[in-house]
Structures are given as C-alpha cells and as structure tokens.
Amino acid sequence: MSLDERFKKAADDVQKLKSKPSNDDLLEIYALFKQGSVGDCNTDRPGMLDLKGKAKWDAWNGKKGMSQDKAKEEYIAKVESLIQSIGLQ
C-alpha cells in the first residue's frame, strides 16, 4: 500500500474508533492530518472568542516545517496507537 493509501485508510479508521479520544489526541491527529494533507498552516489565527478554533490552529501551526510525508507517517502511527488503546467499533 502506498503512503497516500495508508493515510486515507487511517483517516477512515479514526472515524470508527469505539470512543472519542482525549482532546490532546484529537488536536494531535487534527494537526497531523492538516499538515499531511495541506502542508504548513495557511490561514489567519481565529479570534479570541473562538477557543476551539484557536486550539486547532495552534496545533496545526505547531507542525510548521514538517514535510507532508513525515506528517502522514506520524498520523498513521498515531491512529494505529489509538486503535490499539481504544479499539474499533
């Protein structure tokens, strides 16, 4: 399986977890997914009243400079570890 195929499969699998991961895990998989699919953060930081949006932006922006392939590899590894700890439906 190619890296892109494994990345897409991990993105599908994360939707099938038995329970919702912790907020830290959610931010990590969000940031790695965005970095792997889009690249460096390309939007303005949300306003001060959008706490969730700011947390997501900060997580993604924290991956700045990471290659898309490296982000995809880390995303796949993170999803696999969540599957091991939480399981799939």
PDB file of N, CA and C in Angstrom:
ATOM      1  N   MET A   1       0.846  -1.186   0.000  1.00  0.00           N
ATOM      2  CA  MET A   1       0.000   0.000   0.000  1.00  0.00           C
ATOM      3  C   MET A   1       0.889   1.246   0.000  1.00  0.00           C
ATOM      4  N   SER A   2       0.528   2.230  -0.797  1.00  0.00           N
ATOM      5  CA  SER A   2       1.308   3.468  -0.843  1.00  0.00           C
ATOM      6  C   SER A   2       1.051   4.294   0.417  1.00  0.00           C
ATOM      7  N   LEU A   3       1.897   5.285   0.636  1.00  0.00           N
ATOM      8  CA  LEU A   3       1.741   6.165   1.798  1.00  0.00           C
ATOM      9  C   LEU A   3       0.385   6.860   1.758  1.00  0.00           C
ATOM     10  N   ASP A   4      -0.019   7.362   0.591  1.00  0.00           N
ATOM     11  CA  ASP A   4      -1.310   8.048   0.476  1.00  0.00           C
ATOM     12  C   ASP A   4      -2.485   7.114   0.766  1.00  0.00           C
ATOM     13  N   GLU A   5      -2.375   5.864   0.325  1.00  0.00           N
ATOM     14  CA  GLU A   5      -3.442   4.886   0.604  1.00  0.00           C
ATOM     15  C   GLU A   5      -3.519   4.579   2.099  1.00  0.00           C
ATOM     16  N   ARG A   6      -2.357   4.422   2.725  1.00  0.00           N
ATOM     17  CA  ARG A   6      -2.327   4.156   4.176  1.00  0.00           C
ATOM     18  C   ARG A   6      -2.865   5.366   4.954  1.00  0.00           C
ATOM     19  N   PHE A   7      -2.562   6.579   4.476  1.00  0.00           N
ATOM     20  CA  PHE A   7      -3.047   7.813   5.108  1.00  0.00           C
ATOM     21  C   PHE A   7      -4.573   7.885   5.018  1.00  0.00           C
ATOM     22  N   LYS A   8      -5.127   7.574   3.843  1.00  0.00           N
ATOM     23  CA  LYS A   8      -6.575   7.598   3.664  1.00  0.00           C
ATOM     24  C   LYS A   8      -7.243   6.535   4.532  1.00  0.00           C
ATOM     25  N   LYS A   9      -6.638   5.348   4.606  1.00  0.00           N
ATOM     26  CA  LYS A   9      -7.201   4.278   5.440  1.00  0.00           C
ATOM     27  C   LYS A   9      -7.200   4.699   6.907  1.00  0.00           C
ATOM     28  N   ALA A  10      -6.110   5.330   7.362  1.00  0.00           N
ATOM     29  CA  ALA A  10      -6.045   5.798   8.752  1.00  0.00           C
ATOM     30  C   ALA A  10      -7.116   6.855   9.004  1.00  0.00           C
ATOM     31  N   ALA A  11      -7.341   7.742   8.026  1.00  0.00           N
ATOM     32  CA  ALA A  11      -8.380   8.771   8.164  1.00  0.00           C
ATOM     33  C   ALA A  11      -9.758   8.126   8.265  1.00  0.00           C
ATOM     34  N   ASP A  12      -9.975   7.046   7.520  1.00  0.00           N
ATOM     35  CA  ASP A  12     -11.251   6.322   7.617  1.00  0.00           C
ATOM     36  C   ASP A  12     -11.359   5.605   8.964  1.00  0.00           C
ATOM     37  N   ASP A  13     -10.272   4.965   9.390  1.00  0.00           N
ATOM     38  CA  ASP A  13     -10.280   4.206  10.644  1.00  0.00           C
ATOM     39  C   ASP A  13     -10.523   5.093  11.857  1.00  0.00           C
ATOM     40  N   VAL A  14     -10.000   6.312  11.845  1.00  0.00           N
ATOM     41  CA  VAL A  14     -10.146   7.189  13.006  1.00  0.00           C
ATOM     42  C   VAL A  14     -11.618   7.526  13.251  1.00  0.00           C
ATOM     43  N   GLN A  15     -12.423   7.476  12.194  1.00  0.00           N
ATOM     44  CA  GLN A  15     -13.856   7.727  12.330  1.00  0.00           C
ATOM     45  C   GLN A  15     -14.587   6.550  12.988  1.00  0.00           C
ATOM     46  N   LYS A  16     -13.921   5.385  13.055  1.00  0.00           N
ATOM     47  CA  LYS A  16     -14.557   4.165  13.553  1.00  0.00           C
ATOM     48  C   LYS A  16     -14.085   3.766  14.952  1.00  0.00           C
ATOM     49  N   LEU A  17     -13.377   4.663  15.646  1.00  0.00           N
ATOM     50  CA  LEU A  17     -12.910   4.333  16.991  1.00  0.00           C
ATOM     51  C   LEU A  17     -14.101   4.087  17.918  1.00  0.00           C
ATOM     52  N   LYS A  18     -13.930   3.174  18.878  1.00  0.00           N
ATOM     53  CA  LYS A  18     -15.019   2.827  19.805  1.00  0.00           C
ATOM     54  C   LYS A  18     -15.468   4.015  20.639  1.00  0.00           C
ATOM     55  N   SER A  19     -14.514   4.841  21.056  1.00  0.00           N
ATOM     56  CA  SER A  19     -14.863   6.013  21.852  1.00  0.00           C
ATOM     57  C   SER A  19     -14.027   7.202  21.388  1.00  0.00           C
ATOM     58  N   LYS A  20     -14.438   8.376  21.819  1.00  0.00           N
ATOM     59  CA  LYS A  20     -13.755   9.609  21.408  1.00  0.00           C
ATOM     60  C   LYS A  20     -12.407   9.709  22.126  1.00  0.00           C
ATOM     61  N   PRO A  21     -11.342   9.977  21.384  1.00  0.00           N
ATOM     62  CA  PRO A  21     -10.021  10.163  22.012  1.00  0.00           C
ATOM     63  C   PRO A  21     -10.003  11.430  22.888  1.00  0.00           C
ATOM     64  N   SER A  22      -8.962  11.560  23.689  1.00  0.00           N
ATOM     65  CA  SER A  22      -8.818  12.757  24.523  1.00  0.00           C
ATOM     66  C   SER A  22      -8.652  13.987  23.647  1.00  0.00           C
ATOM     67  N   ASN A  23      -8.883  15.164  24.233  1.00  0.00           N
ATOM     68  CA  ASN A  23      -8.725  16.410  23.474  1.00  0.00           C
ATOM     69  C   ASN A  23      -7.307  16.553  22.934  1.00  0.00           C
ATOM     70  N   ASP A  24      -6.302  16.177  23.744  1.00  0.00           N
ATOM     71  CA  ASP A  24      -4.915  16.263  23.272  1.00  0.00           C
ATOM     72  C   ASP A  24      -4.694  15.368  22.056  1.00  0.00           C
ATOM     73  N   ASP A  25      -5.241  14.141  22.119  1.00  0.00           N
ATOM     74  CA  ASP A  25      -5.111  13.229  20.978  1.00  0.00           C
ATOM     75  C   ASP A  25      -5.840  13.773  19.758  1.00  0.00           C
ATOM     76  N   LEU A  26      -7.027  14.337  19.976  1.00  0.00           N
ATOM     77  CA  LEU A  26      -7.786  14.913  18.861  1.00  0.00           C
ATOM     78  C   LEU A  26      -7.029  16.056  18.196  1.00  0.00           C
ATOM     79  N   LEU A  27      -6.427  16.923  19.003  1.00  0.00           N
ATOM     80  CA  LEU A  27      -5.650  18.036  18.443  1.00  0.00           C
ATOM     81  C   LEU A  27      -4.444  17.518  17.667  1.00  0.00           C
ATOM     82  N   GLU A  28      -3.787  16.486  18.194  1.00  0.00           N
ATOM     83  CA  GLU A  28      -2.616  15.920  17.530  1.00  0.00           C
ATOM     84  C   GLU A  28      -3.006  15.306  16.181  1.00  0.00           C
ATOM     85  N   ILE A  29      -4.072  14.518  16.150  1.00  0.00           N
ATOM     86  CA  ILE A  29      -4.451  13.909  14.870  1.00  0.00           C
ATOM     87  C   ILE A  29      -4.971  14.957  13.894  1.00  0.00           C
ATOM     88  N   TYR A  30      -5.634  15.986  14.399  1.00  0.00           N
ATOM     89  CA  TYR A  30      -6.082  17.081  13.534  1.00  0.00           C
ATOM     90  C   TYR A  30      -4.869  17.768  12.894  1.00  0.00           C
ATOM     91  N   ALA A  31      -3.896  18.127  13.727  1.00  0.00           N
ATOM     92  CA  ALA A  31      -2.717  18.850  13.233  1.00  0.00           C
ATOM     93  C   ALA A  31      -1.935  18.013  12.229  1.00  0.00           C
ATOM     94  N   LEU A  32      -1.752  16.735  12.534  1.00  0.00           N
ATOM     95  CA  LEU A  32      -1.008  15.869  11.618  1.00  0.00           C
ATOM     96  C   LEU A  32      -1.773  15.660  10.311  1.00  0.00           C
ATOM     97  N   PHE A  33      -3.103  15.529  10.405  1.00  0.00           N
ATOM     98  CA  PHE A  33      -3.909  15.368   9.192  1.00  0.00           C
ATOM     99  C   PHE A  33      -3.804  16.610   8.307  1.00  0.00           C
ATOM    100  N   LYS A  34      -3.962  17.785   8.907  1.00  0.00           N
ATOM    101  CA  LYS A  34      -3.892  19.026   8.135  1.00  0.00           C
ATOM    102  C   LYS A  34      -2.503  19.217   7.525  1.00  0.00           C
ATOM    103  N   GLN A  35      -1.460  18.950   8.314  1.00  0.00           N
ATOM    104  CA  GLN A  35      -0.100  19.108   7.802  1.00  0.00           C
ATOM    105  C   GLN A  35       0.156  18.110   6.677  1.00  0.00           C
ATOM    106  N   GLY A  36      -0.362  16.888   6.836  1.00  0.00           N
ATOM    107  CA  GLY A  36      -0.169  15.865   5.814  1.00  0.00           C
ATOM    108  C   GLY A  36      -0.959  16.123   4.549  1.00  0.00           C
ATOM    109  N   SER A  37      -2.132  16.727   4.676  1.00  0.00           N
ATOM    110  CA  SER A  37      -2.971  16.925   3.501  1.00  0.00           C
ATOM    111  C   SER A  37      -2.823  18.312   2.877  1.00  0.00           C
ATOM    112  N   VAL A  38      -2.546  19.344   3.677  1.00  0.00           N
ATOM    113  CA  VAL A  38      -2.468  20.719   3.170  1.00  0.00           C
ATOM    114  C   VAL A  38      -1.036  21.249   3.162  1.00  0.00           C
ATOM    115  N   GLY A  39      -0.272  20.904   4.193  1.00  0.00           N
ATOM    116  CA  GLY A  39       1.064  21.472   4.369  1.00  0.00           C
ATOM    117  C   GLY A  39       1.021  22.508   5.478  1.00  0.00           C
ATOM    118  N   ASP A  40       1.956  23.427   5.465  1.00  0.00           N
ATOM    119  CA  ASP A  40       2.023  24.441   6.522  1.00  0.00           C
ATOM    120  C   ASP A  40       0.722  25.233   6.615  1.00  0.00           C
ATOM    121  N   CYS A  41       0.405  25.652   7.826  1.00  0.00           N
ATOM    122  CA  CYS A  41      -0.801  26.426   8.114  1.00  0.00           C
ATOM    123  C   CYS A  41      -0.853  27.653   7.191  1.00  0.00           C
ATOM    124  N   ASN A  42      -1.996  27.836   6.537  1.00  0.00           N
ATOM    125  CA  ASN A  42      -2.111  28.897   5.532  1.00  0.00           C
ATOM    126  C   ASN A  42      -3.294  29.832   5.816  1.00  0.00           C
ATOM    127  N   THR A  43      -3.754  29.870   7.063  1.00  0.00           N
ATOM    128  CA  THR A  43      -4.889  30.716   7.421  1.00  0.00           C
ATOM    129  C   THR A  43      -4.505  31.623   8.587  1.00  0.00           C
ATOM    130  N   ASP A  44      -5.277  32.666   8.788  1.00  0.00           N
ATOM    131  CA  ASP A  44      -5.065  33.540   9.937  1.00  0.00           C
ATOM    132  C   ASP A  44      -5.559  32.858  11.198  1.00  0.00           C
ATOM    133  N   ARG A  45      -4.947  33.210  12.325  1.00  0.00           N
ATOM    134  CA  ARG A  45      -5.370  32.651  13.606  1.00  0.00           C
ATOM    135  C   ARG A  45      -6.769  33.174  13.943  1.00  0.00           C
ATOM    136  N   PRO A  46      -7.675  32.273  14.384  1.00  0.00           N
ATOM    137  CA  PRO A  46      -9.033  32.714  14.731  1.00  0.00           C
ATOM    138  C   PRO A  46      -9.037  33.744  15.859  1.00  0.00           C
ATOM    139  N   GLY A  47     -10.141  34.469  15.982  1.00  0.00           N
ATOM    140  CA  GLY A  47     -10.289  35.493  17.007  1.00  0.00           C
ATOM    141  C   GLY A  47     -10.304  34.927  18.411  1.00  0.00           C
ATOM    142  N   MET A  48     -10.198  35.815  19.394  1.00  0.00           N
ATOM    143  CA  MET A  48     -10.026  35.369  20.772  1.00  0.00           C
ATOM    144  C   MET A  48     -11.250  34.666  21.350  1.00  0.00           C
ATOM    145  N   LEU A  49     -12.408  34.841  20.757  1.00  0.00           N
ATOM    146  CA  LEU A  49     -13.601  34.177  21.277  1.00  0.00           C
ATOM    147  C   LEU A  49     -13.760  32.756  20.733  1.00  0.00           C
ATOM    148  N   ASP A  50     -13.016  32.408  19.700  1.00  0.00           N
ATOM    149  CA  ASP A  50     -13.086  31.069  19.104  1.00  0.00           C
ATOM    150  C   ASP A  50     -12.007  30.183  19.733  1.00  0.00           C
ATOM    151  N   LEU A  51     -12.261  29.709  20.941  1.00  0.00           N
ATOM    152  CA  LEU A  51     -11.260  28.939  21.674  1.00  0.00           C
ATOM    153  C   LEU A  51     -10.910  27.627  20.984  1.00  0.00           C
ATOM    154  N   LYS A  52     -11.925  26.923  20.497  1.00  0.00           N
ATOM    155  CA  LYS A  52     -11.681  25.649  19.814  1.00  0.00           C
ATOM    156  C   LYS A  52     -10.883  25.881  18.529  1.00  0.00           C
ATOM    157  N   GLY A  53     -11.284  26.890  17.763  1.00  0.00           N
ATOM    158  CA  GLY A  53     -10.584  27.213  16.519  1.00  0.00           C
ATOM    159  C   GLY A  53      -9.132  27.595  16.757  1.00  0.00           C
ATOM    160  N   LYS A  54      -8.896  28.362  17.831  1.00  0.00           N
ATOM    161  CA  LYS A  54      -7.514  28.763  18.151  1.00  0.00           C
ATOM    162  C   LYS A  54      -6.677  27.546  18.535  1.00  0.00           C
ATOM    163  N   ALA A  55      -7.261  26.636  19.330  1.00  0.00           N
ATOM    164  CA  ALA A  55      -6.523  25.439  19.747  1.00  0.00           C
ATOM    165  C   ALA A  55      -6.153  24.595  18.529  1.00  0.00           C
ATOM    166  N   LYS A  56      -7.085  24.443  17.602  1.00  0.00           N
ATOM    167  CA  LYS A  56      -6.813  23.671  16.387  1.00  0.00           C
ATOM    168  C   LYS A  56      -5.760  24.372  15.529  1.00  0.00           C
ATOM    169  N   TRP A  57      -5.875  25.691  15.387  1.00  0.00           N
ATOM    170  CA  TRP A  57      -4.908  26.454  14.595  1.00  0.00           C
ATOM    171  C   TRP A  57      -3.516  26.340  15.210  1.00  0.00           C
ATOM    172  N   ASP A  58      -3.436  26.513  16.540  1.00  0.00           N
ATOM    173  CA  ASP A  58      -2.143  26.428  17.230  1.00  0.00           C
ATOM    174  C   ASP A  58      -1.510  25.050  17.059  1.00  0.00           C
ATOM    175  N   ALA A  59      -2.334  23.991  17.144  1.00  0.00           N
ATOM    176  CA  ALA A  59      -1.814  22.633  16.979  1.00  0.00           C
ATOM    177  C   ALA A  59      -1.257  22.443  15.569  1.00  0.00           C
ATOM    178  N   TRP A  60      -2.018  22.901  14.562  1.00  0.00           N
ATOM    179  CA  TRP A  60      -1.569  22.762  13.177  1.00  0.00           C
ATOM    180  C   TRP A  60      -0.332  23.616  12.932  1.00  0.00           C
ATOM    181  N   ASN A  61      -0.350  24.856  13.382  1.00  0.00           N
ATOM    182  CA  ASN A  61       0.786  25.750  13.173  1.00  0.00           C
ATOM    183  C   ASN A  61       2.044  25.220  13.868  1.00  0.00           C
ATOM    184  N   GLY A  62       1.864  24.441  14.930  1.00  0.00           N
ATOM    185  CA  GLY A  62       2.998  23.833  15.632  1.00  0.00           C
ATOM    186  C   GLY A  62       3.731  22.798  14.793  1.00  0.00           C
ATOM    187  N   LYS A  63       3.119  22.350  13.719  1.00  0.00           N
ATOM    188  CA  LYS A  63       3.749  21.370  12.811  1.00  0.00           C
ATOM    189  C   LYS A  63       4.442  22.050  11.636  1.00  0.00           C
ATOM    190  N   LYS A  64       4.483  23.371  11.655  1.00  0.00           N
ATOM    191  CA  LYS A  64       5.076  24.148  10.553  1.00  0.00           C
ATOM    192  C   LYS A  64       6.483  23.639  10.236  1.00  0.00           C
ATOM    193  N   GLY A  65       6.746  23.443   8.958  1.00  0.00           N
ATOM    194  CA  GLY A  65       8.063  22.996   8.517  1.00  0.00           C
ATOM    195  C   GLY A  65       8.179  21.484   8.381  1.00  0.00           C
ATOM    196  N   MET A  66       7.242  20.743   8.966  1.00  0.00           N
ATOM    197  CA  MET A  66       7.271  19.282   8.836  1.00  0.00           C
ATOM    198  C   MET A  66       6.820  18.922   7.420  1.00  0.00           C
ATOM    199  N   SER A  67       7.525  17.988   6.791  1.00  0.00           N
ATOM    200  CA  SER A  67       7.137  17.588   5.443  1.00  0.00           C
ATOM    201  C   SER A  67       5.786  16.872   5.480  1.00  0.00           C
ATOM    202  N   GLN A  68       5.084  16.934   4.368  1.00  0.00           N
ATOM    203  CA  GLN A  68       3.777  16.278   4.308  1.00  0.00           C
ATOM    204  C   GLN A  68       3.919  14.766   4.477  1.00  0.00           C
ATOM    205  N   ASP A  69       4.962  14.176   3.904  1.00  0.00           N
ATOM    206  CA  ASP A  69       5.155  12.728   4.048  1.00  0.00           C
ATOM    207  C   ASP A  69       5.424  12.347   5.502  1.00  0.00           C
ATOM    208  N   LYS A  70       6.236  13.140   6.201  1.00  0.00           N
ATOM    209  CA  LYS A  70       6.516  12.853   7.613  1.00  0.00           C
ATOM    210  C   LYS A  70       5.237  12.999   8.439  1.00  0.00           C
ATOM    211  N   ALA A  71       4.447  14.017   8.146  1.00  0.00           N
ATOM    212  CA  ALA A  71       3.180  14.208   8.864  1.00  0.00           C
ATOM    213  C   ALA A  71       2.240  13.031   8.616  1.00  0.00           C
ATOM    214  N   LYS A  72       2.199  12.536   7.380  1.00  0.00           N
ATOM    215  CA  LYS A  72       1.352  11.384   7.069  1.00  0.00           C
ATOM    216  C   LYS A  72       1.808  10.156   7.849  1.00  0.00           C
ATOM    217  N   GLU A  73       3.130   9.918   7.892  1.00  0.00           N
ATOM    218  CA  GLU A  73       3.668   8.776   8.641  1.00  0.00           C
ATOM    219  C   GLU A  73       3.305   8.879  10.119  1.00  0.00           C
ATOM    220  N   GLU A  74       3.475  10.076  10.701  1.00  0.00           N
ATOM    221  CA  GLU A  74       3.153  10.265  12.120  1.00  0.00           C
ATOM    222  C   GLU A  74       1.656  10.139  12.373  1.00  0.00           C
ATOM    223  N   TYR A  75       0.843  10.608  11.437  1.00  0.00           N
ATOM    224  CA  TYR A  75      -0.615  10.478  11.556  1.00  0.00           C
ATOM    225  C   TYR A  75      -1.012   9.002  11.579  1.00  0.00           C
ATOM    226  N   ILE A  76      -0.458   8.229  10.647  1.00  0.00           N
ATOM    227  CA  ILE A  76      -0.761   6.795  10.568  1.00  0.00           C
ATOM    228  C   ILE A  76      -0.363   6.104  11.869  1.00  0.00           C
ATOM    229  N   ALA A  77       0.830   6.431  12.390  1.00  0.00           N
ATOM    230  CA  ALA A  77       1.304   5.826  13.643  1.00  0.00           C
ATOM    231  C   ALA A  77       0.400   6.217  14.810  1.00  0.00           C
ATOM    232  N   LYS A  78      -0.037   7.476  14.858  1.00  0.00           N
ATOM    233  CA  LYS A  78      -0.909   7.948  15.941  1.00  0.00           C
ATOM    234  C   LYS A  78      -2.251   7.230  15.890  1.00  0.00           C
ATOM    235  N   VAL A  79      -2.823   7.109  14.703  1.00  0.00           N
ATOM    236  CA  VAL A  79      -4.110   6.422  14.569  1.00  0.00           C
ATOM    237  C   VAL A  79      -3.963   4.953  14.971  1.00  0.00           C
ATOM    238  N   GLU A  80      -2.864   4.311  14.557  1.00  0.00           N
ATOM    239  CA  GLU A  80      -2.647   2.909  14.938  1.00  0.00           C
ATOM    240  C   GLU A  80      -2.537   2.762  16.457  1.00  0.00           C
ATOM    241  N   SER A  81      -1.884   3.713  17.128  1.00  0.00           N
ATOM    242  CA  SER A  81      -1.783   3.631  18.589  1.00  0.00           C
ATOM    243  C   SER A  81      -3.142   3.852  19.248  1.00  0.00           C
ATOM    244  N   LEU A  82      -3.979   4.728  18.676  1.00  0.00           N
ATOM    245  CA  LEU A  82      -5.329   4.933  19.206  1.00  0.00           C
ATOM    246  C   LEU A  82      -6.185   3.679  19.014  1.00  0.00           C
ATOM    247  N   ILE A  83      -6.023   3.013  17.878  1.00  0.00           N
ATOM    248  CA  ILE A  83      -6.765   1.779  17.636  1.00  0.00           C
ATOM    249  C   ILE A  83      -6.358   0.719  18.660  1.00  0.00           C
ATOM    250  N   GLN A  84      -5.047   0.655  18.975  1.00  0.00           N
ATOM    251  CA  GLN A  84      -4.574  -0.296  19.973  1.00  0.00           C
ATOM    252  C   GLN A  84      -5.156  -0.006  21.356  1.00  0.00           C
ATOM    253  N   SER A  85      -5.238   1.268  21.730  1.00  0.00           N
ATOM    254  CA  SER A  85      -5.696   1.615  23.072  1.00  0.00           C
ATOM    255  C   SER A  85      -7.220   1.694  23.189  1.00  0.00           C
ATOM    256  N   ILE A  86      -7.908   2.123  22.129  1.00  0.00           N
ATOM    257  CA  ILE A  86      -9.372   2.325  22.191  1.00  0.00           C
ATOM    258  C   ILE A  86     -10.117   1.200  21.476  1.00  0.00           C
ATOM    259  N   GLY A  87      -9.592   0.780  20.341  1.00  0.00           N
ATOM    260  CA  GLY A  87     -10.251  -0.238  19.538  1.00  0.00           C
ATOM    261  C   GLY A  87     -11.197   0.378  18.516  1.00  0.00           C
ATOM    262  N   LEU A  88     -11.622  -0.457  17.580  1.00  0.00           N
ATOM    263  CA  LEU A  88     -12.558  -0.030  16.543  1.00  0.00           C
ATOM    264  C   LEU A  88     -13.943  -0.572  16.847  1.00  0.00           C
ATOM    265  N   GLN A  89     -14.953   0.096  16.322  1.00  0.00           N
ATOM    266  CA  GLN A  89     -16.336  -0.360  16.506  1.00  0.00           C
ATOM    267  C   GLN A  89     -16.565  -1.663  15.783  1.00  0.00           C
TER     268      GLN A  89
END
